[in-house]
């Protein structure tokens, strides 16, 4: 049986990494969060390199971009109405 790739939130990754760094065993974390031990090790490596912060920055940037897109779509809609009905 193949498992589907799942995405984990930055908050969950941080929670798991912090628990591991505080001394909790990889096996226990793996079972509790239903995540492979090798994936937890990858998250720890990224955390040590500071790459986890990049994920948070990208998530914030994505949210800001979505808000900006909605505002621009509204502006385009208003301008289209002004052109059609002067």
PDB file of N, CA and C in Angstrom:
ATOM      1  N   UNK A   1       0.848  -1.185   0.000  1.00  0.00           N
ATOM      2  CA  UNK A   1       0.000   0.000   0.000  1.00  0.00           C
ATOM      3  C   UNK A   1       0.893   1.247   0.000  1.00  0.00           C
ATOM      4  N   UNK A   2       0.671   2.128  -0.925  1.00  0.00           N
ATOM      5  CA  UNK A   2       1.465   3.353  -0.999  1.00  0.00           C
ATOM      6  C   UNK A   2       0.783   4.465  -0.235  1.00  0.00           C
ATOM      7  N   UNK A   3       1.609   5.251   0.428  1.00  0.00           N
ATOM      8  CA  UNK A   3       1.072   6.395   1.162  1.00  0.00           C
ATOM      9  C   UNK A   3       1.121   7.623   0.276  1.00  0.00           C
ATOM     10  N   UNK A   4       0.132   8.424   0.406  1.00  0.00           N
ATOM     11  CA  UNK A   4       0.076   9.679  -0.321  1.00  0.00           C
ATOM     12  C   UNK A   4       0.970  10.701   0.358  1.00  0.00           C
ATOM     13  N   UNK A   5       1.606  11.531  -0.422  1.00  0.00           N
ATOM     14  CA  UNK A   5       2.431  12.584   0.175  1.00  0.00           C
ATOM     15  C   UNK A   5       1.527  13.582   0.884  1.00  0.00           C
ATOM     16  N   UNK A   6       1.925  13.913   2.094  1.00  0.00           N
ATOM     17  CA  UNK A   6       1.159  14.878   2.864  1.00  0.00           C
ATOM     18  C   UNK A   6       2.004  16.112   3.091  1.00  0.00           C
ATOM     19  N   UNK A   7       1.352  17.212   3.280  1.00  0.00           N
ATOM     20  CA  UNK A   7       2.043  18.449   3.625  1.00  0.00           C
ATOM     21  C   UNK A   7       1.788  18.719   5.098  1.00  0.00           C
ATOM     22  N   UNK A   8       2.833  19.162   5.768  1.00  0.00           N
ATOM     23  CA  UNK A   8       2.721  19.450   7.190  1.00  0.00           C
ATOM     24  C   UNK A   8       2.964  20.940   7.397  1.00  0.00           C
ATOM     25  N   UNK A   9       2.197  21.514   8.270  1.00  0.00           N
ATOM     26  CA  UNK A   9       2.335  22.946   8.531  1.00  0.00           C
ATOM     27  C   UNK A   9       3.674  23.227   9.205  1.00  0.00           C
ATOM     28  N   UNK A  10       4.122  24.455   9.048  1.00  0.00           N
ATOM     29  CA  UNK A  10       5.362  24.882   9.679  1.00  0.00           C
ATOM     30  C   UNK A  10       5.249  24.756  11.193  1.00  0.00           C
ATOM     31  N   UNK A  11       4.072  25.037  11.722  1.00  0.00           N
ATOM     32  CA  UNK A  11       3.855  24.941  13.171  1.00  0.00           C
ATOM     33  C   UNK A  11       4.039  23.498  13.659  1.00  0.00           C
ATOM     34  N   UNK A  12       3.513  22.545  12.899  1.00  0.00           N
ATOM     35  CA  UNK A  12       3.654  21.138  13.293  1.00  0.00           C
ATOM     36  C   UNK A  12       5.115  20.714  13.217  1.00  0.00           C
ATOM     37  N   UNK A  13       5.808  21.135  12.163  1.00  0.00           N
ATOM     38  CA  UNK A  13       7.227  20.793  12.020  1.00  0.00           C
ATOM     39  C   UNK A  13       8.019  21.331  13.211  1.00  0.00           C
ATOM     40  N   UNK A  14       7.748  22.584  13.561  1.00  0.00           N
ATOM     41  CA  UNK A  14       8.458  23.187  14.698  1.00  0.00           C
ATOM     42  C   UNK A  14       8.160  22.450  15.992  1.00  0.00           C
ATOM     43  N   UNK A  15       6.903  22.079  16.175  1.00  0.00           N
ATOM     44  CA  UNK A  15       6.508  21.362  17.394  1.00  0.00           C
ATOM     45  C   UNK A  15       7.274  20.051  17.509  1.00  0.00           C
ATOM     46  N   UNK A  16       7.350  19.308  16.421  1.00  0.00           N
ATOM     47  CA  UNK A  16       8.035  18.021  16.422  1.00  0.00           C
ATOM     48  C   UNK A  16       9.535  18.217  16.646  1.00  0.00           C
ATOM     49  N   UNK A  17      10.132  19.178  15.948  1.00  0.00           N
ATOM     50  CA  UNK A  17      11.571  19.441  16.086  1.00  0.00           C
ATOM     51  C   UNK A  17      11.905  19.865  17.509  1.00  0.00           C
ATOM     52  N   UNK A  18      11.111  20.769  18.071  1.00  0.00           N
ATOM     53  CA  UNK A  18      11.379  21.227  19.443  1.00  0.00           C
ATOM     54  C   UNK A  18      11.261  20.087  20.443  1.00  0.00           C
ATOM     55  N   UNK A  19      10.273  19.217  20.237  1.00  0.00           N
ATOM     56  CA  UNK A  19      10.119  18.073  21.138  1.00  0.00           C
ATOM     57  C   UNK A  19      11.343  17.160  21.053  1.00  0.00           C
ATOM     58  N   UNK A  20      11.837  16.967  19.843  1.00  0.00           N
ATOM     59  CA  UNK A  20      13.011  16.117  19.663  1.00  0.00           C
ATOM     60  C   UNK A  20      14.243  16.758  20.294  1.00  0.00           C
ATOM     61  N   UNK A  21      14.411  18.054  20.082  1.00  0.00           N
ATOM     62  CA  UNK A  21      15.561  18.748  20.654  1.00  0.00           C
ATOM     63  C   UNK A  21      15.493  18.798  22.177  1.00  0.00           C
ATOM     64  N   UNK A  22      14.281  18.689  22.726  1.00  0.00           N
ATOM     65  CA  UNK A  22      14.117  18.666  24.180  1.00  0.00           C
ATOM     66  C   UNK A  22      14.296  17.264  24.759  1.00  0.00           C
ATOM     67  N   UNK A  23      14.654  16.307  23.898  1.00  0.00           N
ATOM     68  CA  UNK A  23      14.996  14.977  24.397  1.00  0.00           C
ATOM     69  C   UNK A  23      14.003  13.876  24.136  1.00  0.00           C
ATOM     70  N   UNK A  24      12.888  14.170  23.491  1.00  0.00           N
ATOM     71  CA  UNK A  24      11.924  13.108  23.226  1.00  0.00           C
ATOM     72  C   UNK A  24      12.462  12.199  22.116  1.00  0.00           C
ATOM     73  N   UNK A  25      12.212  10.918  22.235  1.00  0.00           N
ATOM     74  CA  UNK A  25      12.742   9.933  21.287  1.00  0.00           C
ATOM     75  C   UNK A  25      12.065  10.061  19.919  1.00  0.00           C
ATOM     76  N   UNK A  26      12.875   9.833  18.876  1.00  0.00           N
ATOM     77  CA  UNK A  26      12.351   9.898  17.508  1.00  0.00           C
ATOM     78  C   UNK A  26      11.208   8.908  17.304  1.00  0.00           C
ATOM     79  N   UNK A  27      11.366   7.697  17.832  1.00  0.00           N
ATOM     80  CA  UNK A  27      10.339   6.672  17.652  1.00  0.00           C
ATOM     81  C   UNK A  27       9.006   7.123  18.247  1.00  0.00           C
ATOM     82  N   UNK A  28       9.045   7.692  19.435  1.00  0.00           N
ATOM     83  CA  UNK A  28       7.813   8.154  20.090  1.00  0.00           C
ATOM     84  C   UNK A  28       7.172   9.290  19.296  1.00  0.00           C
ATOM     85  N   UNK A  29       7.993  10.229  18.824  1.00  0.00           N
ATOM     86  CA  UNK A  29       7.465  11.339  18.020  1.00  0.00           C
ATOM     87  C   UNK A  29       6.872  10.831  16.719  1.00  0.00           C
ATOM     88  N   UNK A  30       7.577   9.895  16.108  1.00  0.00           N
ATOM     89  CA  UNK A  30       7.129   9.324  14.849  1.00  0.00           C
ATOM     90  C   UNK A  30       5.751   8.683  14.995  1.00  0.00           C
ATOM     91  N   UNK A  31       5.584   7.921  16.038  1.00  0.00           N
ATOM     92  CA  UNK A  31       4.303   7.252  16.266  1.00  0.00           C
ATOM     93  C   UNK A  31       3.198   8.235  16.623  1.00  0.00           C
ATOM     94  N   UNK A  32       3.523   9.180  17.487  1.00  0.00           N
ATOM     95  CA  UNK A  32       2.498  10.124  17.956  1.00  0.00           C
ATOM     96  C   UNK A  32       2.002  11.031  16.835  1.00  0.00           C
ATOM     97  N   UNK A  33       2.907  11.470  15.973  1.00  0.00           N
ATOM     98  CA  UNK A  33       2.527  12.412  14.915  1.00  0.00           C
ATOM     99  C   UNK A  33       2.317  11.730  13.564  1.00  0.00           C
ATOM    100  N   UNK A  34       2.477  10.412  13.516  1.00  0.00           N
ATOM    101  CA  UNK A  34       2.312   9.637  12.291  1.00  0.00           C
ATOM    102  C   UNK A  34       3.200  10.188  11.167  1.00  0.00           C
ATOM    103  N   UNK A  35       4.483  10.337  11.510  1.00  0.00           N
ATOM    104  CA  UNK A  35       5.474  10.875  10.584  1.00  0.00           C
ATOM    105  C   UNK A  35       6.696   9.966  10.624  1.00  0.00           C
ATOM    106  N   UNK A  36       7.283   9.708   9.492  1.00  0.00           N
ATOM    107  CA  UNK A  36       8.471   8.870   9.390  1.00  0.00           C
ATOM    108  C   UNK A  36       9.655   9.497  10.139  1.00  0.00           C
ATOM    109  N   UNK A  37      10.466   8.658  10.780  1.00  0.00           N
ATOM    110  CA  UNK A  37      11.626   9.162  11.530  1.00  0.00           C
ATOM    111  C   UNK A  37      12.604   9.908  10.629  1.00  0.00           C
ATOM    112  N   UNK A  38      12.785   9.418   9.408  1.00  0.00           N
ATOM    113  CA  UNK A  38      13.724  10.092   8.501  1.00  0.00           C
ATOM    114  C   UNK A  38      13.227  11.494   8.146  1.00  0.00           C
ATOM    115  N   UNK A  39      11.914  11.664   8.077  1.00  0.00           N
ATOM    116  CA  UNK A  39      11.364  12.988   7.798  1.00  0.00           C
ATOM    117  C   UNK A  39      11.617  13.928   8.981  1.00  0.00           C
ATOM    118  N   UNK A  40      11.494  13.402  10.187  1.00  0.00           N
ATOM    119  CA  UNK A  40      11.785  14.212  11.376  1.00  0.00           C
ATOM    120  C   UNK A  40      13.246  14.629  11.367  1.00  0.00           C
ATOM    121  N   UNK A  41      14.136  13.704  11.002  1.00  0.00           N
ATOM    122  CA  UNK A  41      15.566  14.043  10.914  1.00  0.00           C
ATOM    123  C   UNK A  41      15.796  15.147   9.880  1.00  0.00           C
ATOM    124  N   UNK A  42      15.079  15.066   8.762  1.00  0.00           N
ATOM    125  CA  UNK A  42      15.193  16.101   7.725  1.00  0.00           C
ATOM    126  C   UNK A  42      14.753  17.447   8.272  1.00  0.00           C
ATOM    127  N   UNK A  43      13.638  17.465   9.016  1.00  0.00           N
ATOM    128  CA  UNK A  43      13.151  18.715   9.614  1.00  0.00           C
ATOM    129  C   UNK A  43      14.174  19.275  10.594  1.00  0.00           C
ATOM    130  N   UNK A  44      14.810  18.395  11.358  1.00  0.00           N
ATOM    131  CA  UNK A  44      15.816  18.847  12.323  1.00  0.00           C
ATOM    132  C   UNK A  44      17.001  19.467  11.591  1.00  0.00           C
ATOM    133  N   UNK A  45      17.460  18.820  10.524  1.00  0.00           N
ATOM    134  CA  UNK A  45      18.572  19.361   9.737  1.00  0.00           C
ATOM    135  C   UNK A  45      18.220  20.728   9.171  1.00  0.00           C
ATOM    136  N   UNK A  46      17.006  20.848   8.637  1.00  0.00           N
ATOM    137  CA  UNK A  46      16.571  22.138   8.097  1.00  0.00           C
ATOM    138  C   UNK A  46      16.507  23.189   9.201  1.00  0.00           C
ATOM    139  N   UNK A  47      16.025  22.782  10.351  1.00  0.00           N
ATOM    140  CA  UNK A  47      15.934  23.701  11.487  1.00  0.00           C
ATOM    141  C   UNK A  47      17.325  24.200  11.881  1.00  0.00           C
ATOM    142  N   UNK A  48      18.288  23.290  11.917  1.00  0.00           N
ATOM    143  CA  UNK A  48      19.649  23.658  12.295  1.00  0.00           C
ATOM    144  C   UNK A  48      20.295  24.580  11.267  1.00  0.00           C
ATOM    145  N   UNK A  49      19.925  24.426  10.001  1.00  0.00           N
ATOM    146  CA  UNK A  49      20.446  25.306   8.945  1.00  0.00           C
ATOM    147  C   UNK A  49      19.664  26.614   8.852  1.00  0.00           C
ATOM    148  N   UNK A  50      18.540  26.691   9.548  1.00  0.00           N
ATOM    149  CA  UNK A  50      17.716  27.894   9.492  1.00  0.00           C
ATOM    150  C   UNK A  50      16.730  27.890   8.342  1.00  0.00           C
ATOM    151  N   UNK A  51      16.561  26.751   7.682  1.00  0.00           N
ATOM    152  CA  UNK A  51      15.668  26.665   6.524  1.00  0.00           C
ATOM    153  C   UNK A  51      14.197  26.670   6.921  1.00  0.00           C
ATOM    154  N   UNK A  52      13.877  26.306   8.143  1.00  0.00           N
ATOM    155  CA  UNK A  52      12.477  26.302   8.585  1.00  0.00           C
ATOM    156  C   UNK A  52      11.916  27.717   8.587  1.00  0.00           C
ATOM    157  N   UNK A  53      12.784  28.672   8.883  1.00  0.00           N
ATOM    158  CA  UNK A  53      12.348  30.059   8.877  1.00  0.00           C
ATOM    159  C   UNK A  53      11.946  30.495   7.472  1.00  0.00           C
ATOM    160  N   UNK A  54      12.622  29.947   6.456  1.00  0.00           N
ATOM    161  CA  UNK A  54      12.273  30.267   5.078  1.00  0.00           C
ATOM    162  C   UNK A  54      10.849  29.831   4.757  1.00  0.00           C
ATOM    163  N   UNK A  55      10.449  28.666   5.293  1.00  0.00           N
ATOM    164  CA  UNK A  55       9.088  28.188   5.066  1.00  0.00           C
ATOM    165  C   UNK A  55       8.069  29.173   5.632  1.00  0.00           C
ATOM    166  N   UNK A  56       8.338  29.679   6.814  1.00  0.00           N
ATOM    167  CA  UNK A  56       7.416  30.627   7.452  1.00  0.00           C
ATOM    168  C   UNK A  56       7.361  31.928   6.664  1.00  0.00           C
ATOM    169  N   UNK A  57       8.516  32.388   6.205  1.00  0.00           N
ATOM    170  CA  UNK A  57       8.567  33.627   5.418  1.00  0.00           C
ATOM    171  C   UNK A  57       7.785  33.450   4.120  1.00  0.00           C
ATOM    172  N   UNK A  58       7.982  32.304   3.460  1.00  0.00           N
ATOM    173  CA  UNK A  58       7.256  32.050   2.213  1.00  0.00           C
ATOM    174  C   UNK A  58       5.753  31.979   2.455  1.00  0.00           C
ATOM    175  N   UNK A  59       5.329  31.377   3.553  1.00  0.00           N
ATOM    176  CA  UNK A  59       3.899  31.287   3.864  1.00  0.00           C
ATOM    177  C   UNK A  59       3.316  32.679   4.099  1.00  0.00           C
ATOM    178  N   UNK A  60       4.051  33.532   4.816  1.00  0.00           N
ATOM    179  CA  UNK A  60       3.594  34.895   5.051  1.00  0.00           C
ATOM    180  C   UNK A  60       3.522  35.673   3.744  1.00  0.00           C
ATOM    181  N   UNK A  61       4.529  35.509   2.899  1.00  0.00           N
ATOM    182  CA  UNK A  61       4.567  36.195   1.619  1.00  0.00           C
ATOM    183  C   UNK A  61       3.401  35.755   0.744  1.00  0.00           C
ATOM    184  N   UNK A  62       3.104  34.465   0.758  1.00  0.00           N
ATOM    185  CA  UNK A  62       1.984  33.946  -0.019  1.00  0.00           C
ATOM    186  C   UNK A  62       0.672  34.569   0.441  1.00  0.00           C
ATOM    187  N   UNK A  63       0.473  34.677   1.749  1.00  0.00           N
ATOM    188  CA  UNK A  63      -0.747  35.292   2.282  1.00  0.00           C
ATOM    189  C   UNK A  63      -0.859  36.750   1.850  1.00  0.00           C
ATOM    190  N   UNK A  64       0.260  37.475   1.947  1.00  0.00           N
ATOM    191  CA  UNK A  64       0.255  38.876   1.524  1.00  0.00           C
ATOM    192  C   UNK A  64      -0.057  39.006   0.034  1.00  0.00           C
ATOM    193  N   UNK A  65       0.495  38.120  -0.761  1.00  0.00           N
ATOM    194  CA  UNK A  65       0.255  38.158  -2.210  1.00  0.00           C
ATOM    195  C   UNK A  65      -1.214  37.882  -2.531  1.00  0.00           C
ATOM    196  N   UNK A  66      -1.808  36.934  -1.825  1.00  0.00           N
ATOM    197  CA  UNK A  66      -3.218  36.634  -2.062  1.00  0.00           C
ATOM    198  C   UNK A  66      -4.095  37.831  -1.748  1.00  0.00           C
ATOM    199  N   UNK A  67      -3.809  38.525  -0.654  1.00  0.00           N
ATOM    200  CA  UNK A  67      -4.566  39.714  -0.274  1.00  0.00           C
ATOM    201  C   UNK A  67      -4.404  40.791  -1.354  1.00  0.00           C
ATOM    202  N   UNK A  68      -3.177  40.963  -1.827  1.00  0.00           N
ATOM    203  CA  UNK A  68      -2.895  41.967  -2.862  1.00  0.00           C
ATOM    204  C   UNK A  68      -3.616  41.629  -4.166  1.00  0.00           C
ATOM    205  N   UNK A  69      -3.661  40.359  -4.525  1.00  0.00           N
ATOM    206  CA  UNK A  69      -4.358  39.932  -5.738  1.00  0.00           C
ATOM    207  C   UNK A  69      -5.840  40.261  -5.652  1.00  0.00           C
ATOM    208  N   UNK A  70      -6.452  39.993  -4.510  1.00  0.00           N
ATOM    209  CA  UNK A  70      -7.878  40.287  -4.329  1.00  0.00           C
ATOM    210  C   UNK A  70      -8.125  41.786  -4.487  1.00  0.00           C
ATOM    211  N   UNK A  71      -7.265  42.607  -3.893  1.00  0.00           N
ATOM    212  CA  UNK A  71      -7.421  44.060  -4.005  1.00  0.00           C
ATOM    213  C   UNK A  71      -7.270  44.517  -5.450  1.00  0.00           C
ATOM    214  N   UNK A  72      -6.313  43.966  -6.163  1.00  0.00           N
ATOM    215  CA  UNK A  72      -6.112  44.346  -7.564  1.00  0.00           C
ATOM    216  C   UNK A  72      -7.272  43.893  -8.446  1.00  0.00           C
ATOM    217  N   UNK A  73      -7.821  42.716  -8.165  1.00  0.00           N
ATOM    218  CA  UNK A  73      -8.980  42.245  -8.930  1.00  0.00           C
ATOM    219  C   UNK A  73     -10.178  43.175  -8.728  1.00  0.00           C
ATOM    220  N   UNK A  74     -10.362  43.651  -7.494  1.00  0.00           N
ATOM    221  CA  UNK A  74     -11.437  44.613  -7.233  1.00  0.00           C
ATOM    222  C   UNK A  74     -11.230  45.892  -8.036  1.00  0.00           C
ATOM    223  N   UNK A  75      -9.994  46.378  -8.044  1.00  0.00           N
ATOM    224  CA  UNK A  75      -9.665  47.602  -8.768  1.00  0.00           C
ATOM    225  C   UNK A  75      -9.915  47.429 -10.261  1.00  0.00           C
ATOM    226  N   UNK A  76      -9.517  46.312 -10.819  1.00  0.00           N
ATOM    227  CA  UNK A  76      -9.747  46.036 -12.239  1.00  0.00           C
ATOM    228  C   UNK A  76     -11.243  45.985 -12.527  1.00  0.00           C
ATOM    229  N   UNK A  77     -11.999  45.378 -11.632  1.00  0.00           N
ATOM    230  CA  UNK A  77     -13.450  45.316 -11.818  1.00  0.00           C
ATOM    231  C   UNK A  77     -14.085  46.694 -11.828  1.00  0.00           C
ATOM    232  N   UNK A  78     -13.652  47.554 -10.900  1.00  0.00           N
ATOM    233  CA  UNK A  78     -14.178  48.928 -10.863  1.00  0.00           C
ATOM    234  C   UNK A  78     -13.829  49.692 -12.127  1.00  0.00           C
ATOM    235  N   UNK A  79     -12.592  49.549 -12.566  1.00  0.00           N
ATOM    236  CA  UNK A  79     -12.157  50.250 -13.775  1.00  0.00           C
ATOM    237  C   UNK A  79     -12.909  49.750 -15.002  1.00  0.00           C
ATOM    238  N   UNK A  80     -13.191  48.476 -15.061  1.00  0.00           N
ATOM    239  CA  UNK A  80     -13.957  47.926 -16.178  1.00  0.00           C
ATOM    240  C   UNK A  80     -15.363  48.515 -16.202  1.00  0.00           C
ATOM    241  N   UNK A  81     -15.970  48.649 -15.024  1.00  0.00           N
ATOM    242  CA  UNK A  81     -17.296  49.263 -14.951  1.00  0.00           C
ATOM    243  C   UNK A  81     -17.266  50.715 -15.382  1.00  0.00           C
ATOM    244  N   UNK A  82     -16.222  51.451 -14.991  1.00  0.00           N
ATOM    245  CA  UNK A  82     -16.101  52.853 -15.365  1.00  0.00           C
ATOM    246  C   UNK A  82     -15.946  53.004 -16.880  1.00  0.00           C
ATOM    247  N   UNK A  83     -15.244  52.077 -17.490  1.00  0.00           N
ATOM    248  CA  UNK A  83     -15.057  52.138 -18.947  1.00  0.00           C
ATOM    249  C   UNK A  83     -16.369  51.831 -19.654  1.00  0.00           C
ATOM    250  N   UNK A  84     -17.120  50.846 -19.160  1.00  0.00           N
ATOM    251  CA  UNK A  84     -18.376  50.465 -19.792  1.00  0.00           C
ATOM    252  C   UNK A  84     -19.478  51.500 -19.567  1.00  0.00           C
ATOM    253  N   UNK A  85     -19.524  52.084 -18.386  1.00  0.00           N
ATOM    254  CA  UNK A  85     -20.573  53.024 -18.051  1.00  0.00           C
ATOM    255  C   UNK A  85     -19.969  54.361 -17.631  1.00  0.00           C
ATOM    256  N   UNK A  86     -19.551  55.184 -18.576  1.00  0.00           N
ATOM    257  CA  UNK A  86     -18.934  56.471 -18.216  1.00  0.00           C
ATOM    258  C   UNK A  86     -19.913  57.463 -17.637  1.00  0.00           C
TER     259      UNK A  86
END
